[in-house]
N, C-alpha and C. Protein backbone atom coordinates (compact mmCIF):
# COMPACT_ATOMS: atom_id res chain seq x y z
N MET A 1 112.66 -144.59 -133.14
CA MET A 1 113.67 -144.55 -133.39
C MET A 1 113.67 -145.51 -134.39
N LYS A 2 113.20 -145.86 -135.94
CA LYS A 2 113.52 -147.10 -136.02
C LYS A 2 114.85 -146.89 -137.53
N TYR A 3 115.45 -147.90 -137.27
CA TYR A 3 116.70 -148.39 -138.12
C TYR A 3 116.31 -149.21 -138.77
N GLY A 4 116.23 -149.73 -140.01
CA GLY A 4 116.44 -150.98 -140.62
C GLY A 4 115.14 -151.93 -139.73
N GLY A 5 114.50 -151.01 -139.54
CA GLY A 5 113.00 -152.27 -139.24
C GLY A 5 112.71 -152.64 -137.34
N THR A 6 114.18 -152.54 -137.28
CA THR A 6 114.35 -152.57 -136.40
C THR A 6 114.58 -151.30 -134.62
N THR A 7 113.67 -151.13 -133.51
CA THR A 7 113.86 -149.73 -133.03
C THR A 7 115.52 -149.76 -132.72
N MET A 8 115.80 -148.50 -132.47
CA MET A 8 117.01 -148.09 -132.21
C MET A 8 116.26 -147.33 -130.61
N PRO A 9 117.28 -147.83 -129.09
CA PRO A 9 117.42 -147.64 -128.29
C PRO A 9 117.89 -145.77 -128.00
N ARG A 10 116.68 -145.71 -127.32
CA ARG A 10 117.06 -143.81 -126.66
C ARG A 10 118.09 -143.81 -125.97
N GLN A 11 118.28 -142.83 -125.89
CA GLN A 11 119.42 -142.17 -124.93
C GLN A 11 119.07 -141.87 -123.82
N LEU A 12 120.63 -142.23 -122.29
CA LEU A 12 119.38 -141.56 -120.98
C LEU A 12 119.59 -140.47 -120.61
N ALA A 13 118.46 -139.45 -120.02
CA ALA A 13 118.77 -138.06 -119.82
C ALA A 13 118.51 -138.30 -118.57
N THR A 14 118.45 -137.59 -117.21
CA THR A 14 118.16 -137.30 -116.20
C THR A 14 116.75 -135.87 -116.82
N ASN A 15 116.01 -135.44 -115.64
CA ASN A 15 115.26 -134.11 -115.83
C ASN A 15 115.44 -132.95 -116.51
N ALA A 16 116.74 -132.56 -115.69
CA ALA A 16 117.58 -131.61 -115.75
C ALA A 16 118.13 -130.83 -116.93
N GLU A 17 119.10 -132.54 -117.45
CA GLU A 17 120.03 -132.70 -118.70
C GLU A 17 119.15 -132.40 -119.58
N LEU A 18 118.11 -133.86 -119.62
CA LEU A 18 117.38 -132.70 -120.62
C LEU A 18 116.40 -131.29 -121.35
N THR A 19 116.44 -130.61 -119.84
CA THR A 19 115.99 -129.47 -119.25
C THR A 19 117.20 -128.65 -120.47
N ARG A 20 118.11 -128.94 -120.26
CA ARG A 20 119.57 -127.98 -120.72
C ARG A 20 119.37 -127.96 -121.71
N MET A 21 119.25 -129.61 -122.71
CA MET A 21 119.56 -129.22 -123.54
C MET A 21 118.20 -128.54 -124.57
N ILE A 22 116.90 -129.24 -124.29
CA ILE A 22 115.81 -128.48 -125.58
C ILE A 22 115.97 -127.52 -125.11
N ASN A 23 116.77 -126.83 -123.42
CA ASN A 23 116.03 -124.82 -124.38
C ASN A 23 118.45 -124.68 -124.49
N ASP A 24 119.21 -125.47 -124.37
CA ASP A 24 120.09 -125.01 -125.60
C ASP A 24 119.92 -124.88 -127.13
N ARG A 25 118.79 -126.10 -127.34
CA ARG A 25 117.98 -126.23 -129.02
C ARG A 25 117.97 -125.26 -129.37
N PHE A 26 116.23 -124.56 -128.58
CA PHE A 26 115.67 -123.10 -128.34
C PHE A 26 117.05 -121.93 -128.92
N ARG A 27 117.82 -122.03 -127.74
CA ARG A 27 118.59 -120.68 -127.76
C ARG A 27 119.62 -120.21 -128.58
N GLU A 28 120.12 -121.90 -129.17
CA GLU A 28 121.18 -121.49 -129.98
C GLU A 28 121.17 -122.02 -131.96
N GLY A 29 119.74 -122.34 -131.91
CA GLY A 29 119.26 -123.59 -133.20
C GLY A 29 119.60 -122.68 -134.14
N LYS A 30 120.35 -123.09 -135.57
CA LYS A 30 121.12 -121.82 -136.41
C LYS A 30 119.77 -121.45 -137.01
N GLU A 31 118.55 -123.17 -137.72
CA GLU A 31 117.24 -123.18 -138.18
C GLU A 31 116.31 -121.79 -137.11
N LEU A 32 115.89 -121.67 -135.78
CA LEU A 32 115.49 -120.21 -134.87
C LEU A 32 115.60 -119.25 -135.07
N ASP A 33 114.98 -118.80 -135.99
CA ASP A 33 115.26 -116.97 -135.25
C ASP A 33 114.26 -116.21 -135.39
N GLY A 34 114.57 -115.20 -134.76
CA GLY A 34 113.39 -114.29 -133.76
C GLY A 34 112.96 -114.45 -132.36
N ASP A 35 112.35 -115.04 -132.16
CA ASP A 35 111.27 -114.68 -131.25
C ASP A 35 111.68 -115.73 -130.96
N CYS A 36 111.52 -116.97 -131.35
CA CYS A 36 111.13 -118.40 -131.54
C CYS A 36 112.76 -119.19 -130.19
N ARG A 37 113.49 -118.19 -130.54
CA ARG A 37 114.90 -118.58 -129.56
C ARG A 37 114.68 -117.94 -128.23
N GLU A 38 113.63 -117.62 -127.93
CA GLU A 38 113.28 -116.70 -126.28
C GLU A 38 112.42 -118.19 -126.14
N VAL A 39 111.95 -119.19 -126.29
CA VAL A 39 110.69 -120.06 -125.61
C VAL A 39 112.33 -121.29 -124.88
N LYS A 40 111.52 -120.82 -123.60
CA LYS A 40 111.80 -122.30 -122.50
C LYS A 40 110.93 -122.90 -122.24
N ILE A 41 111.33 -123.94 -121.41
CA ILE A 41 110.74 -125.02 -120.48
C ILE A 41 111.27 -124.86 -118.86
N GLY A 42 110.24 -125.17 -118.15
CA GLY A 42 110.61 -125.72 -116.93
C GLY A 42 112.11 -126.70 -116.67
N GLY A 43 110.99 -127.38 -117.07
CA GLY A 43 111.23 -129.43 -116.77
C GLY A 43 110.45 -130.03 -118.20
N VAL A 44 110.66 -131.69 -117.37
CA VAL A 44 110.20 -132.19 -118.70
C VAL A 44 109.44 -133.20 -117.58
N MET A 45 107.43 -134.13 -117.57
CA MET A 45 106.95 -134.18 -117.24
C MET A 45 107.58 -136.27 -117.62
N PRO A 46 108.18 -137.12 -116.62
CA PRO A 46 108.26 -138.67 -116.47
C PRO A 46 106.30 -139.06 -116.98
N TYR A 47 106.22 -139.78 -118.33
CA TYR A 47 105.36 -140.47 -117.50
C TYR A 47 105.17 -141.66 -116.61
N ALA A 48 103.59 -142.51 -116.36
CA ALA A 48 104.13 -143.54 -115.39
C ALA A 48 104.45 -144.77 -116.41
N GLU A 49 104.78 -145.18 -117.71
CA GLU A 49 104.38 -146.07 -118.59
C GLU A 49 104.52 -145.56 -119.43
N PRO A 50 105.52 -146.26 -120.93
CA PRO A 50 106.10 -144.79 -121.80
C PRO A 50 105.21 -145.44 -122.97
N ASP A 51 105.13 -144.73 -123.82
CA ASP A 51 103.97 -144.00 -124.47
C ASP A 51 103.74 -145.20 -125.60
N GLU A 52 102.81 -146.16 -126.84
CA GLU A 52 102.97 -145.93 -128.11
C GLU A 52 104.19 -145.70 -128.58
N SER A 53 104.87 -145.39 -128.58
CA SER A 53 106.65 -143.99 -129.21
C SER A 53 107.44 -145.31 -129.03
N GLY A 54 107.54 -145.71 -127.38
CA GLY A 54 108.07 -146.82 -126.11
C GLY A 54 108.74 -145.06 -125.28
N CYS A 55 108.39 -143.17 -125.61
CA CYS A 55 108.73 -142.19 -125.15
C CYS A 55 108.39 -142.16 -124.23
N ASN A 56 109.13 -142.19 -123.00
CA ASN A 56 108.48 -142.74 -121.28
C ASN A 56 107.57 -140.66 -121.18
N TRP A 57 108.33 -139.90 -121.35
CA TRP A 57 108.54 -138.26 -121.19
C TRP A 57 107.67 -137.43 -121.53
N ASP A 58 107.39 -136.09 -121.85
CA ASP A 58 106.83 -134.53 -122.30
C ASP A 58 106.47 -133.97 -121.43
N VAL A 59 106.80 -132.39 -122.76
CA VAL A 59 107.03 -131.22 -121.68
C VAL A 59 105.79 -130.46 -122.42
N TYR A 60 104.78 -130.90 -121.49
CA TYR A 60 103.17 -129.73 -121.09
C TYR A 60 103.17 -128.01 -121.76
N THR A 61 104.36 -128.00 -121.23
CA THR A 61 104.16 -126.43 -121.59
C THR A 61 105.90 -125.51 -121.85
N TYR A 62 105.55 -124.71 -122.33
CA TYR A 62 106.74 -123.23 -122.27
C TYR A 62 106.56 -121.94 -121.84
N SER A 63 107.44 -121.64 -121.58
CA SER A 63 107.08 -119.47 -122.43
C SER A 63 107.62 -119.83 -123.53
N GLY A 64 106.74 -118.80 -123.79
CA GLY A 64 107.80 -117.56 -124.80
C GLY A 64 106.61 -118.04 -126.05
N PRO A 65 106.94 -117.26 -127.13
CA PRO A 65 106.01 -116.42 -127.71
C PRO A 65 105.07 -117.98 -128.26
N LEU A 66 102.99 -116.74 -128.10
CA LEU A 66 102.69 -118.53 -128.48
C LEU A 66 102.88 -119.00 -130.78
N ARG A 67 103.32 -117.77 -131.10
CA ARG A 67 103.23 -118.39 -132.72
C ARG A 67 104.19 -119.35 -132.50
N CYS A 68 105.09 -119.48 -132.04
CA CYS A 68 106.05 -120.39 -131.83
C CYS A 68 106.02 -122.67 -131.69
N SER A 69 104.18 -121.78 -131.04
CA SER A 69 103.77 -123.74 -131.27
C SER A 69 104.16 -124.49 -131.92
N ASP A 70 104.27 -124.28 -132.65
CA ASP A 70 104.27 -125.16 -134.28
C ASP A 70 105.78 -125.77 -134.62
N VAL A 71 107.25 -125.30 -133.74
CA VAL A 71 108.04 -124.91 -133.76
C VAL A 71 108.71 -125.75 -131.82
N PHE A 72 107.86 -125.63 -131.49
CA PHE A 72 108.21 -126.37 -130.04
C PHE A 72 108.03 -127.97 -130.37
N ARG A 73 107.05 -128.14 -131.03
CA ARG A 73 106.33 -129.49 -131.32
C ARG A 73 107.41 -130.33 -131.78
N ILE A 74 108.29 -128.91 -133.08
CA ILE A 74 108.80 -130.11 -133.73
C ILE A 74 110.77 -130.17 -133.42
N VAL A 75 110.71 -129.97 -132.23
CA VAL A 75 111.72 -129.95 -131.62
C VAL A 75 111.29 -130.85 -130.09
N ILE A 76 110.58 -131.34 -129.46
CA ILE A 76 110.63 -131.38 -129.20
C ILE A 76 110.38 -132.71 -129.12
N GLU A 77 109.78 -133.26 -130.26
CA GLU A 77 109.50 -134.54 -131.09
C GLU A 77 110.89 -134.81 -130.67
N GLU A 78 111.73 -134.46 -131.83
CA GLU A 78 112.78 -134.68 -132.02
C GLU A 78 113.48 -134.92 -130.73
N PHE A 79 114.12 -134.66 -129.81
CA PHE A 79 114.25 -134.87 -128.22
C PHE A 79 112.96 -135.69 -128.36
N ARG A 80 112.17 -136.26 -128.47
CA ARG A 80 111.44 -137.52 -127.79
C ARG A 80 111.43 -138.62 -128.01
N LEU A 81 112.43 -138.50 -130.00
CA LEU A 81 112.97 -140.16 -130.52
C LEU A 81 113.85 -140.07 -130.62
N GLN A 82 114.98 -139.30 -129.70
CA GLN A 82 116.43 -139.28 -128.84
C GLN A 82 116.44 -140.45 -127.68
N TYR A 83 115.36 -139.78 -126.80
CA TYR A 83 115.72 -139.67 -125.01
C TYR A 83 114.89 -139.72 -124.27
N ASN A 84 115.26 -140.98 -123.84
CA ASN A 84 114.57 -141.57 -123.00
C ASN A 84 115.11 -140.37 -120.95
N LEU A 85 113.26 -140.15 -120.54
CA LEU A 85 114.03 -140.68 -119.20
C LEU A 85 114.64 -140.95 -118.08
N GLN A 86 115.59 -140.74 -117.84
CA GLN A 86 116.52 -141.94 -116.87
C GLN A 86 115.80 -141.43 -115.42
N ASP A 87 115.83 -142.37 -114.17
CA ASP A 87 115.33 -142.29 -113.07
C ASP A 87 116.40 -142.03 -112.85
N ASP A 88 115.60 -140.77 -111.97
CA ASP A 88 116.95 -139.67 -110.59
C ASP A 88 116.98 -140.00 -109.73
């Protein structure tokens, strides 16, 4: 994440914390309505090395309506910019 030309450090969270926060976001997000509130992830997958953005995790699948895939990707990218996966 860039701020004033410098990269801001991401907060660290465990797999369980990220999973809970992401699932809470879908369930409680005010801009999400209808079926997209039913989206759930089972966890996040760590990368061996951070990607080009500096993030060290991603979510590859979710359960929920297929029509929510665009919303799913946007929400996940928001979290990827804010958090890195902490070693358990």
